[in-house]
Amino acid sequence: MIVDDEGRLLTGLVIKETDDEIVLLPNLLKPDKVETIKKDAIEQRKVAEVSTMPTGLLDTYNVDEILDLLAFIQSASVASGKAKSQ
C-alpha cells in the first residue's frame, strides 16, 4: 500500500523497484496497466495487513476454481520474478 504526495492510495503487486521508482500492478487481470510511482513522491508505504481479495470470495468457488486461482497467483509471482526456485 502506497500513499503518494497527492494523497492517492495505491495498491497492487510490486513488479519492479529501483532506487528511484516503484512499478505496481494494481490488477493482475490487466498486466499491461501499471502504475509507476517516483519514490520521492511517496508519503507512506507499508505492506497491507489484509488481502485485497474480497472477504468470502473463496466460499463461492468450487475446488477446481480455487486450484485455478492458486495457479494464477503463482504464475503472477513467477512473471514478476518474486517466486523462489524450489
Protein backbone atom coordinates (compact mmCIF):
# COMPACT_ATOMS: atom_id res chain seq x y z
CA MET A 1 0.00 0.00 0.00
CA ILE A 2 1.38 3.38 -1.00
CA VAL A 3 0.10 6.86 -0.27
CA ASP A 4 1.63 9.45 -2.57
CA ASP A 5 2.19 13.17 -2.05
CA GLU A 6 -1.16 13.88 -3.76
CA GLY A 7 -3.00 11.73 -1.20
CA ARG A 8 -3.71 8.88 -3.62
CA LEU A 9 -3.89 5.38 -2.12
CA LEU A 10 -2.26 2.86 -4.44
CA THR A 11 -2.29 -0.90 -4.01
CA GLY A 12 -1.03 -3.76 -6.10
CA LEU A 13 1.78 -6.18 -6.73
CA VAL A 14 5.24 -4.59 -6.83
CA ILE A 15 6.63 -5.85 -10.13
CA LYS A 16 9.74 -3.67 -10.25
CA GLU A 17 11.61 -1.47 -7.83
CA THR A 18 14.64 0.71 -8.49
CA ASP A 19 16.42 3.33 -6.42
CA ASP A 20 14.12 5.97 -7.95
CA GLU A 21 10.72 4.36 -8.53
CA ILE A 22 8.29 1.55 -7.85
CA VAL A 23 6.16 -0.11 -10.51
CA LEU A 24 2.85 -1.54 -9.26
CA LEU A 25 0.48 -3.91 -10.99
CA PRO A 26 -2.90 -2.93 -9.50
CA ASN A 27 -4.92 -5.56 -11.36
CA LEU A 28 -3.47 -8.97 -12.22
CA LEU A 29 -6.08 -9.35 -14.95
CA LYS A 30 -4.66 -6.28 -16.73
CA PRO A 31 -0.88 -6.85 -16.79
CA ASP A 32 -0.37 -4.03 -19.31
CA LYS A 33 -1.83 -1.42 -16.91
CA VAL A 34 0.85 -0.50 -14.38
CA GLU A 35 1.37 2.43 -12.00
CA THR A 36 4.85 3.93 -11.79
CA ILE A 37 5.47 5.95 -8.65
CA LYS A 38 8.57 8.05 -8.05
CA LYS A 39 9.99 7.23 -4.63
CA ASP A 40 10.38 10.89 -3.76
CA ALA A 41 6.59 11.26 -4.19
CA ILE A 42 5.80 8.53 -1.62
CA GLU A 43 4.44 9.77 1.70
CA GLN A 44 3.77 6.34 3.19
CA ARG A 45 4.47 2.76 2.19
CA LYS A 46 3.55 -0.42 4.02
CA VAL A 47 2.54 -3.98 3.38
CA ALA A 48 -1.23 -4.36 3.51
CA GLU A 49 -2.41 -6.20 6.61
CA VAL A 50 -5.22 -7.91 4.73
CA SER A 51 -5.59 -9.35 1.27
CA THR A 52 -7.20 -7.26 -1.43
CA MET A 53 -9.33 -10.29 -2.30
CA PRO A 54 -12.93 -9.72 -1.21
CA THR A 55 -13.89 -11.46 2.05
CA GLY A 56 -15.78 -14.69 1.45
CA LEU A 57 -14.87 -14.94 -2.23
CA LEU A 58 -13.44 -18.45 -1.86
CA ASP A 59 -16.74 -19.60 -0.37
CA THR A 60 -18.31 -19.13 -3.80
CA TYR A 61 -15.69 -21.24 -5.63
CA ASN A 62 -15.52 -24.99 -6.11
CA VAL A 63 -12.25 -26.91 -5.59
CA ASP A 64 -11.20 -26.69 -9.26
CA GLU A 65 -11.77 -22.93 -9.32
CA ILE A 66 -9.70 -22.49 -6.15
CA LEU A 67 -6.86 -24.52 -7.66
CA ASP A 68 -7.05 -22.40 -10.82
CA LEU A 69 -6.88 -19.24 -8.70
CA LEU A 70 -3.82 -20.51 -6.82
CA ALA A 71 -2.10 -21.41 -10.11
CA PHE A 72 -2.87 -17.94 -11.44
CA ILE A 73 -1.44 -16.25 -8.35
CA GLN A 74 1.67 -18.40 -8.55
CA SER A 75 2.13 -17.59 -12.26
CA ALA A 76 1.91 -13.87 -11.46
CA SER A 77 4.66 -14.30 -8.87
CA VAL A 78 6.85 -16.13 -11.38
CA ALA A 79 6.22 -13.46 -14.02
CA SER A 80 7.24 -10.72 -11.60
CA GLY A 81 10.36 -12.58 -10.53
CA LYS A 82 9.16 -12.94 -6.95
CA ALA A 83 8.87 -16.73 -6.88
CA LYS A 84 11.70 -18.69 -5.33
CA SER A 85 13.00 -21.79 -7.05
CA GLN A 86 12.04 -24.99 -5.30
